[in-house]
Amino acid sequence: MRTIGARELKQNPHAVIQHVLETGEEYEITSYGRPAGVRIVPDNRSPRRWVLGNDLADVPPMSPRNAAAWRADVEGAMDDEVSGP
């Protein structure tokens, strides 16, 4: 999650909103360097980008630690509720 100061957000809110919509990344708004308890989050997460199988041939193998973290992320995502439009 990124952080952004209230003053910076005020100067260019459209760019921040566009970034959130395009990437699905959240922003936490700060005031004088401290979290203000306000976040900008996408209402609907954007679809994930897919990678073609041929492109995966150039990817080096994961370390056992990264593989375990990835597996935990996948299993956590499988446990999430699925909601439709």
PDB file of N, CA and C in Angstrom:
ATOM      1  N   MET A   1       0.851  -1.166   0.000  1.00  0.00           N
ATOM      2  CA  MET A   1       0.000   0.000   0.000  1.00  0.00           C
ATOM      3  C   MET A   1       0.898   1.231   0.000  1.00  0.00           C
ATOM      4  N   ARG A   2       0.542   2.177  -0.826  1.00  0.00           N
ATOM      5  CA  ARG A   2       1.268   3.436  -0.900  1.00  0.00           C
ATOM      6  C   ARG A   2       0.687   4.433   0.097  1.00  0.00           C
ATOM      7  N   THR A   3       1.487   5.423   0.437  1.00  0.00           N
ATOM      8  CA  THR A   3       0.983   6.525   1.253  1.00  0.00           C
ATOM      9  C   THR A   3       1.092   7.801   0.436  1.00  0.00           C
ATOM     10  N   ILE A   4       0.205   8.730   0.724  1.00  0.00           N
ATOM     11  CA  ILE A   4       0.218  10.025   0.046  1.00  0.00           C
ATOM     12  C   ILE A   4      -0.247  11.085   1.030  1.00  0.00           C
ATOM     13  N   GLY A   5       0.446  12.198   1.033  1.00  0.00           N
ATOM     14  CA  GLY A   5       0.080  13.306   1.911  1.00  0.00           C
ATOM     15  C   GLY A   5      -1.184  13.998   1.418  1.00  0.00           C
ATOM     16  N   ALA A   6      -1.938  14.549   2.343  1.00  0.00           N
ATOM     17  CA  ALA A   6      -3.185  15.230   1.987  1.00  0.00           C
ATOM     18  C   ALA A   6      -2.922  16.379   1.023  1.00  0.00           C
ATOM     19  N   ARG A   7      -1.826  17.086   1.213  1.00  0.00           N
ATOM     20  CA  ARG A   7      -1.507  18.218   0.339  1.00  0.00           C
ATOM     21  C   ARG A   7      -1.209  17.727  -1.082  1.00  0.00           C
ATOM     22  N   GLU A   8      -0.436  16.655  -1.192  1.00  0.00           N
ATOM     23  CA  GLU A   8      -0.126  16.104  -2.515  1.00  0.00           C
ATOM     24  C   GLU A   8      -1.382  15.585  -3.202  1.00  0.00           C
ATOM     25  N   LEU A   9      -2.254  14.946  -2.451  1.00  0.00           N
ATOM     26  CA  LEU A   9      -3.509  14.456  -3.010  1.00  0.00           C
ATOM     27  C   LEU A   9      -4.370  15.616  -3.509  1.00  0.00           C
ATOM     28  N   LYS A  10      -4.379  16.693  -2.761  1.00  0.00           N
ATOM     29  CA  LYS A  10      -5.169  17.865  -3.148  1.00  0.00           C
ATOM     30  C   LYS A  10      -4.669  18.470  -4.455  1.00  0.00           C
ATOM     31  N   GLN A  11      -3.357  18.391  -4.700  1.00  0.00           N
ATOM     32  CA  GLN A  11      -2.781  18.979  -5.900  1.00  0.00           C
ATOM     33  C   GLN A  11      -3.099  18.180  -7.156  1.00  0.00           C
ATOM     34  N   ASN A  12      -3.203  16.859  -7.042  1.00  0.00           N
ATOM     35  CA  ASN A  12      -3.430  16.050  -8.232  1.00  0.00           C
ATOM     36  C   ASN A  12      -4.258  14.798  -7.908  1.00  0.00           C
ATOM     37  N   PRO A  13      -5.515  14.978  -7.505  1.00  0.00           N
ATOM     38  CA  PRO A  13      -6.326  13.819  -7.118  1.00  0.00           C
ATOM     39  C   PRO A  13      -6.611  12.880  -8.287  1.00  0.00           C
ATOM     40  N   HIS A  14      -6.767  13.422  -9.493  1.00  0.00           N
ATOM     41  CA  HIS A  14      -7.112  12.577 -10.633  1.00  0.00           C
ATOM     42  C   HIS A  14      -6.042  11.521 -10.898  1.00  0.00           C
ATOM     43  N   ALA A  15      -4.780  11.896 -10.815  1.00  0.00           N
ATOM     44  CA  ALA A  15      -3.691  10.939 -11.070  1.00  0.00           C
ATOM     45  C   ALA A  15      -3.708   9.804 -10.056  1.00  0.00           C
ATOM     46  N   VAL A  16      -3.963  10.133  -8.792  1.00  0.00           N
ATOM     47  CA  VAL A  16      -4.001   9.107  -7.751  1.00  0.00           C
ATOM     48  C   VAL A  16      -5.189   8.171  -7.973  1.00  0.00           C
ATOM     49  N   ILE A  17      -6.346   8.744  -8.245  1.00  0.00           N
ATOM     50  CA  ILE A  17      -7.544   7.929  -8.482  1.00  0.00           C
ATOM     51  C   ILE A  17      -7.344   7.039  -9.695  1.00  0.00           C
ATOM     52  N   GLN A  18      -6.768   7.574 -10.755  1.00  0.00           N
ATOM     53  CA  GLN A  18      -6.524   6.789 -11.960  1.00  0.00           C
ATOM     54  C   GLN A  18      -5.572   5.628 -11.662  1.00  0.00           C
ATOM     55  N   HIS A  19      -4.533   5.892 -10.864  1.00  0.00           N
ATOM     56  CA  HIS A  19      -3.586   4.839 -10.498  1.00  0.00           C
ATOM     57  C   HIS A  19      -4.279   3.732  -9.711  1.00  0.00           C
ATOM     58  N   VAL A  20      -5.135   4.110  -8.781  1.00  0.00           N
ATOM     59  CA  VAL A  20      -5.872   3.114  -7.990  1.00  0.00           C
ATOM     60  C   VAL A  20      -6.755   2.264  -8.894  1.00  0.00           C
ATOM     61  N   LEU A  21      -7.450   2.902  -9.821  1.00  0.00           N
ATOM     62  CA  LEU A  21      -8.345   2.163 -10.711  1.00  0.00           C
ATOM     63  C   LEU A  21      -7.588   1.240 -11.657  1.00  0.00           C
ATOM     64  N   GLU A  22      -6.427   1.674 -12.131  1.00  0.00           N
ATOM     65  CA  GLU A  22      -5.669   0.875 -13.088  1.00  0.00           C
ATOM     66  C   GLU A  22      -4.921  -0.274 -12.435  1.00  0.00           C
ATOM     67  N   THR A  23      -4.402  -0.070 -11.229  1.00  0.00           N
ATOM     68  CA  THR A  23      -3.550  -1.086 -10.602  1.00  0.00           C
ATOM     69  C   THR A  23      -4.235  -1.850  -9.476  1.00  0.00           C
ATOM     70  N   GLY A  24      -5.287  -1.275  -8.896  1.00  0.00           N
ATOM     71  CA  GLY A  24      -5.926  -1.910  -7.747  1.00  0.00           C
ATOM     72  C   GLY A  24      -5.171  -1.658  -6.453  1.00  0.00           C
ATOM     73  N   GLU A  25      -4.103  -0.862  -6.527  1.00  0.00           N
ATOM     74  CA  GLU A  25      -3.297  -0.576  -5.346  1.00  0.00           C
ATOM     75  C   GLU A  25      -4.013   0.430  -4.447  1.00  0.00           C
ATOM     76  N   GLU A  26      -3.876   0.255  -3.141  1.00  0.00           N
ATOM     77  CA  GLU A  26      -4.506   1.148  -2.179  1.00  0.00           C
ATOM     78  C   GLU A  26      -3.551   2.279  -1.799  1.00  0.00           C
ATOM     79  N   TYR A  27      -4.125   3.407  -1.408  1.00  0.00           N
ATOM     80  CA  TYR A  27      -3.364   4.542  -0.886  1.00  0.00           C
ATOM     81  C   TYR A  27      -3.858   4.841   0.519  1.00  0.00           C
ATOM     82  N   GLU A  28      -2.935   5.106   1.412  1.00  0.00           N
ATOM     83  CA  GLU A  28      -3.284   5.587   2.742  1.00  0.00           C
ATOM     84  C   GLU A  28      -2.934   7.073   2.778  1.00  0.00           C
ATOM     85  N   ILE A  29      -3.868   7.882   3.203  1.00  0.00           N
ATOM     86  CA  ILE A  29      -3.664   9.327   3.238  1.00  0.00           C
ATOM     87  C   ILE A  29      -3.050   9.711   4.579  1.00  0.00           C
ATOM     88  N   THR A  30      -2.022  10.548   4.497  1.00  0.00           N
ATOM     89  CA  THR A  30      -1.356  11.006   5.710  1.00  0.00           C
ATOM     90  C   THR A  30      -1.556  12.507   5.873  1.00  0.00           C
ATOM     91  N   SER A  31      -1.487  12.937   7.118  1.00  0.00           N
ATOM     92  CA  SER A  31      -1.550  14.360   7.447  1.00  0.00           C
ATOM     93  C   SER A  31      -0.338  14.662   8.320  1.00  0.00           C
ATOM     94  N   TYR A  32       0.534  15.522   7.817  1.00  0.00           N
ATOM     95  CA  TYR A  32       1.783  15.838   8.507  1.00  0.00           C
ATOM     96  C   TYR A  32       2.597  14.571   8.797  1.00  0.00           C
ATOM     97  N   GLY A  33       2.592  13.653   7.826  1.00  0.00           N
ATOM     98  CA  GLY A  33       3.401  12.440   7.932  1.00  0.00           C
ATOM     99  C   GLY A  33       2.792  11.316   8.747  1.00  0.00           C
ATOM    100  N   ARG A  34       1.628  11.525   9.296  1.00  0.00           N
ATOM    101  CA  ARG A  34       0.978  10.486  10.116  1.00  0.00           C
ATOM    102  C   ARG A  34      -0.279   9.993   9.423  1.00  0.00           C
ATOM    103  N   PRO A  35      -0.558   8.699   9.503  1.00  0.00           N
ATOM    104  CA  PRO A  35      -1.780   8.177   8.885  1.00  0.00           C
ATOM    105  C   PRO A  35      -3.014   8.900   9.421  1.00  0.00           C
ATOM    106  N   ALA A  36      -3.892   9.287   8.506  1.00  0.00           N
ATOM    107  CA  ALA A  36      -5.097  10.024   8.886  1.00  0.00           C
ATOM    108  C   ALA A  36      -6.290   9.094   9.109  1.00  0.00           C
ATOM    109  N   GLY A  37      -6.094   7.806   8.926  1.00  0.00           N
ATOM    110  CA  GLY A  37      -7.198   6.870   9.091  1.00  0.00           C
ATOM    111  C   GLY A  37      -8.115   6.834   7.883  1.00  0.00           C
ATOM    112  N   VAL A  38      -7.616   7.311   6.746  1.00  0.00           N
ATOM    113  CA  VAL A  38      -8.407   7.353   5.519  1.00  0.00           C
ATOM    114  C   VAL A  38      -7.620   6.649   4.427  1.00  0.00           C
ATOM    115  N   ARG A  39      -8.314   5.822   3.651  1.00  0.00           N
ATOM    116  CA  ARG A  39      -7.672   5.116   2.549  1.00  0.00           C
ATOM    117  C   ARG A  39      -8.480   5.282   1.282  1.00  0.00           C
ATOM    118  N   ILE A  40      -7.776   5.237   0.170  1.00  0.00           N
ATOM    119  CA  ILE A  40      -8.422   5.193  -1.138  1.00  0.00           C
ATOM    120  C   ILE A  40      -8.230   3.770  -1.633  1.00  0.00           C
ATOM    121  N   VAL A  41      -9.339   3.074  -1.819  1.00  0.00           N
ATOM    122  CA  VAL A  41      -9.287   1.690  -2.282  1.00  0.00           C
ATOM    123  C   VAL A  41     -10.222   1.522  -3.470  1.00  0.00           C
ATOM    124  N   PRO A  42      -9.884   0.628  -4.378  1.00  0.00           N
ATOM    125  CA  PRO A  42     -10.773   0.407  -5.511  1.00  0.00           C
ATOM    126  C   PRO A  42     -12.039  -0.309  -5.060  1.00  0.00           C
ATOM    127  N   ASP A  43     -13.167   0.078  -5.620  1.00  0.00           N
ATOM    128  CA  ASP A  43     -14.438  -0.572  -5.312  1.00  0.00           C
ATOM    129  C   ASP A  43     -14.438  -1.996  -5.858  1.00  0.00           C
ATOM    130  N   ASN A  44     -14.017  -2.138  -7.086  1.00  0.00           N
ATOM    131  CA  ASN A  44     -13.889  -3.452  -7.719  1.00  0.00           C
ATOM    132  C   ASN A  44     -12.450  -3.604  -8.151  1.00  0.00           C
ATOM    133  N   ARG A  45     -11.809  -4.623  -7.663  1.00  0.00           N
ATOM    134  CA  ARG A  45     -10.423  -4.846  -8.048  1.00  0.00           C
ATOM    135  C   ARG A  45     -10.355  -5.150  -9.536  1.00  0.00           C
ATOM    136  N   SER A  46      -9.338  -4.623 -10.173  1.00  0.00           N
ATOM    137  CA  SER A  46      -9.163  -4.863 -11.604  1.00  0.00           C
ATOM    138  C   SER A  46      -8.755  -6.317 -11.836  1.00  0.00           C
ATOM    139  N   PRO A  47      -9.077  -6.849 -12.992  1.00  0.00           N
ATOM    140  CA  PRO A  47      -8.685  -8.227 -13.267  1.00  0.00           C
ATOM    141  C   PRO A  47      -7.173  -8.364 -13.294  1.00  0.00           C
ATOM    142  N   ARG A  48      -6.700  -9.499 -12.868  1.00  0.00           N
ATOM    143  CA  ARG A  48      -5.264  -9.744 -12.894  1.00  0.00           C
ATOM    144  C   ARG A  48      -4.800  -9.981 -14.322  1.00  0.00           C
ATOM    145  N   ARG A  49      -3.581  -9.559 -14.588  1.00  0.00           N
ATOM    146  CA  ARG A  49      -3.031  -9.780 -15.917  1.00  0.00           C
ATOM    147  C   ARG A  49      -2.485 -11.202 -16.007  1.00  0.00           C
ATOM    148  N   TRP A  50      -2.718 -11.851 -17.119  1.00  0.00           N
ATOM    149  CA  TRP A  50      -2.261 -13.213 -17.332  1.00  0.00           C
ATOM    150  C   TRP A  50      -0.959 -13.215 -18.091  1.00  0.00           C
ATOM    151  N   VAL A  51      -0.155 -14.215 -17.832  1.00  0.00           N
ATOM    152  CA  VAL A  51       1.124 -14.381 -18.504  1.00  0.00           C
ATOM    153  C   VAL A  51       1.034 -15.641 -19.353  1.00  0.00           C
ATOM    154  N   LEU A  52       1.497 -15.538 -20.589  1.00  0.00           N
ATOM    155  CA  LEU A  52       1.490 -16.700 -21.472  1.00  0.00           C
ATOM    156  C   LEU A  52       2.498 -17.733 -20.990  1.00  0.00           C
ATOM    157  N   GLY A  53       2.179 -18.990 -21.188  1.00  0.00           N
ATOM    158  CA  GLY A  53       3.050 -20.072 -20.746  1.00  0.00           C
ATOM    159  C   GLY A  53       4.452 -19.983 -21.319  1.00  0.00           C
ATOM    160  N   ASN A  54       4.580 -19.588 -22.579  1.00  0.00           N
ATOM    161  CA  ASN A  54       5.903 -19.485 -23.189  1.00  0.00           C
ATOM    162  C   ASN A  54       6.765 -18.439 -22.485  1.00  0.00           C
ATOM    163  N   ASP A  55       6.142 -17.393 -21.962  1.00  0.00           N
ATOM    164  CA  ASP A  55       6.893 -16.357 -21.260  1.00  0.00           C
ATOM    165  C   ASP A  55       7.409 -16.839 -19.911  1.00  0.00           C
ATOM    166  N   LEU A  56       6.761 -17.840 -19.349  1.00  0.00           N
ATOM    167  CA  LEU A  56       7.186 -18.374 -18.054  1.00  0.00           C
ATOM    168  C   LEU A  56       8.487 -19.160 -18.144  1.00  0.00           C
ATOM    169  N   ALA A  57       8.863 -19.594 -19.335  1.00  0.00           N
ATOM    170  CA  ALA A  57      10.090 -20.375 -19.489  1.00  0.00           C
ATOM    171  C   ALA A  57      11.317 -19.564 -19.093  1.00  0.00           C
ATOM    172  N   ASP A  58      11.250 -18.244 -19.192  1.00  0.00           N
ATOM    173  CA  ASP A  58      12.390 -17.388 -18.857  1.00  0.00           C
ATOM    174  C   ASP A  58      12.427 -16.989 -17.384  1.00  0.00           C
ATOM    175  N   VAL A  59      11.438 -17.372 -16.622  1.00  0.00           N
ATOM    176  CA  VAL A  59      11.368 -16.996 -15.209  1.00  0.00           C
ATOM    177  C   VAL A  59      12.173 -18.000 -14.387  1.00  0.00           C
ATOM    178  N   PRO A  60      13.109 -17.513 -13.561  1.00  0.00           N
ATOM    179  CA  PRO A  60      13.884 -18.450 -12.738  1.00  0.00           C
ATOM    180  C   PRO A  60      12.999 -19.087 -11.670  1.00  0.00           C
ATOM    181  N   PRO A  61      13.359 -20.279 -11.205  1.00  0.00           N
ATOM    182  CA  PRO A  61      12.549 -20.938 -10.171  1.00  0.00           C
ATOM    183  C   PRO A  61      12.544 -20.142  -8.866  1.00  0.00           C
ATOM    184  N   MET A  62      11.465 -20.313  -8.100  1.00  0.00           N
ATOM    185  CA  MET A  62      11.340 -19.624  -6.813  1.00  0.00           C
ATOM    186  C   MET A  62      12.159 -20.339  -5.754  1.00  0.00           C
ATOM    187  N   SER A  63      12.574 -19.562  -4.776  1.00  0.00           N
ATOM    188  CA  SER A  63      13.217 -20.160  -3.611  1.00  0.00           C
ATOM    189  C   SER A  63      12.129 -20.887  -2.809  1.00  0.00           C
ATOM    190  N   PRO A  64      12.507 -21.848  -1.983  1.00  0.00           N
ATOM    191  CA  PRO A  64      11.491 -22.540  -1.165  1.00  0.00           C
ATOM    192  C   PRO A  64      10.682 -21.581  -0.300  1.00  0.00           C
ATOM    193  N   ARG A  65      11.329 -20.535   0.217  1.00  0.00           N
ATOM    194  CA  ARG A  65      10.617 -19.567   1.061  1.00  0.00           C
ATOM    195  C   ARG A  65       9.567 -18.799   0.249  1.00  0.00           C
ATOM    196  N   ASN A  66       9.952 -18.333  -0.940  1.00  0.00           N
ATOM    197  CA  ASN A  66       9.004 -17.607  -1.788  1.00  0.00           C
ATOM    198  C   ASN A  66       7.886 -18.526  -2.273  1.00  0.00           C
ATOM    199  N   ALA A  67       8.220 -19.778  -2.552  1.00  0.00           N
ATOM    200  CA  ALA A  67       7.205 -20.730  -3.001  1.00  0.00           C
ATOM    201  C   ALA A  67       6.171 -20.966  -1.902  1.00  0.00           C
ATOM    202  N   ALA A  68       6.629 -21.062  -0.656  1.00  0.00           N
ATOM    203  CA  ALA A  68       5.703 -21.261   0.462  1.00  0.00           C
ATOM    204  C   ALA A  68       4.805 -20.041   0.642  1.00  0.00           C
ATOM    205  N   ALA A  69       5.374 -18.844   0.492  1.00  0.00           N
ATOM    206  CA  ALA A  69       4.571 -17.625   0.614  1.00  0.00           C
ATOM    207  C   ALA A  69       3.554 -17.542  -0.511  1.00  0.00           C
ATOM    208  N   TRP A  70       3.965 -17.901  -1.712  1.00  0.00           N
ATOM    209  CA  TRP A  70       3.051 -17.887  -2.860  1.00  0.00           C
ATOM    210  C   TRP A  70       1.909 -18.869  -2.641  1.00  0.00           C
ATOM    211  N   ARG A  71       2.236 -20.060  -2.171  1.00  0.00           N
ATOM    212  CA  ARG A  71       1.195 -21.063  -1.912  1.00  0.00           C
ATOM    213  C   ARG A  71       0.204 -20.561  -0.866  1.00  0.00           C
ATOM    214  N   ALA A  72       0.713 -19.923   0.179  1.00  0.00           N
ATOM    215  CA  ALA A  72      -0.167 -19.381   1.219  1.00  0.00           C
ATOM    216  C   ALA A  72      -1.081 -18.307   0.637  1.00  0.00           C
ATOM    217  N   ASP A  73      -0.551 -17.470  -0.257  1.00  0.00           N
ATOM    218  CA  ASP A  73      -1.380 -16.442  -0.900  1.00  0.00           C
ATOM    219  C   ASP A  73      -2.485 -17.076  -1.732  1.00  0.00           C
ATOM    220  N   VAL A  74      -2.138 -18.114  -2.482  1.00  0.00           N
ATOM    221  CA  VAL A  74      -3.134 -18.789  -3.326  1.00  0.00           C
ATOM    222  C   VAL A  74      -4.203 -19.445  -2.465  1.00  0.00           C
ATOM    223  N   GLU A  75      -3.784 -20.134  -1.420  1.00  0.00           N
ATOM    224  CA  GLU A  75      -4.757 -20.783  -0.540  1.00  0.00           C
ATOM    225  C   GLU A  75      -5.641 -19.755   0.160  1.00  0.00           C
ATOM    226  N   GLY A  76      -5.068 -18.616   0.534  1.00  0.00           N
ATOM    227  CA  GLY A  76      -5.856 -17.548   1.148  1.00  0.00           C
ATOM    228  C   GLY A  76      -6.875 -16.982   0.181  1.00  0.00           C
ATOM    229  N   ALA A  77      -6.459 -16.837  -1.084  1.00  0.00           N
ATOM    230  CA  ALA A  77      -7.383 -16.319  -2.101  1.00  0.00           C
ATOM    231  C   ALA A  77      -8.514 -17.304  -2.354  1.00  0.00           C
ATOM    232  N   MET A  78      -8.221 -18.587  -2.257  1.00  0.00           N
ATOM    233  CA  MET A  78      -9.260 -19.596  -2.473  1.00  0.00           C
ATOM    234  C   MET A  78     -10.299 -19.562  -1.357  1.00  0.00           C
ATOM    235  N   ASP A  79      -9.884 -19.103  -0.185  1.00  0.00           N
ATOM    236  CA  ASP A  79     -10.799 -19.030   0.956  1.00  0.00           C
ATOM    237  C   ASP A  79     -11.656 -17.768   0.936  1.00  0.00           C
ATOM    238  N   ASP A  80     -11.250 -16.765   0.136  1.00  0.00           N
ATOM    239  CA  ASP A  80     -12.001 -15.512   0.056  1.00  0.00           C
ATOM    240  C   ASP A  80     -13.370 -15.750  -0.552  1.00  0.00           C
ATOM    241  N   GLU A  81     -14.316 -14.923  -0.133  1.00  0.00           N
ATOM    242  CA  GLU A  81     -15.653 -15.018  -0.715  1.00  0.00           C
ATOM    243  C   GLU A  81     -15.613 -14.514  -2.150  1.00  0.00           C
ATOM    244  N   VAL A  82     -16.348 -15.151  -2.981  1.00  0.00           N
ATOM    245  CA  VAL A  82     -16.454 -14.736  -4.383  1.00  0.00           C
ATOM    246  C   VAL A  82     -17.801 -14.090  -4.555  1.00  0.00           C
ATOM    247  N   SER A  83     -17.797 -12.859  -5.082  1.00  0.00           N
ATOM    248  CA  SER A  83     -19.069 -12.172  -5.302  1.00  0.00           C
ATOM    249  C   SER A  83     -19.135 -11.740  -6.747  1.00  0.00           C
ATOM    250  N   GLY A  84     -20.287 -11.798  -7.292  1.00  0.00           N
ATOM    251  CA  GLY A  84     -20.493 -11.419  -8.693  1.00  0.00           C
ATOM    252  C   GLY A  84     -21.125 -10.048  -8.795  1.00  0.00           C
ATOM    253  N   PRO A  85     -21.275  -9.568 -10.015  1.00  0.00           N
ATOM    254  CA  PRO A  85     -21.869  -8.238 -10.216  1.00  0.00           C
ATOM    255  C   PRO A  85     -23.321  -8.171  -9.838  1.00  0.00           C
TER     256      PRO A  85
END
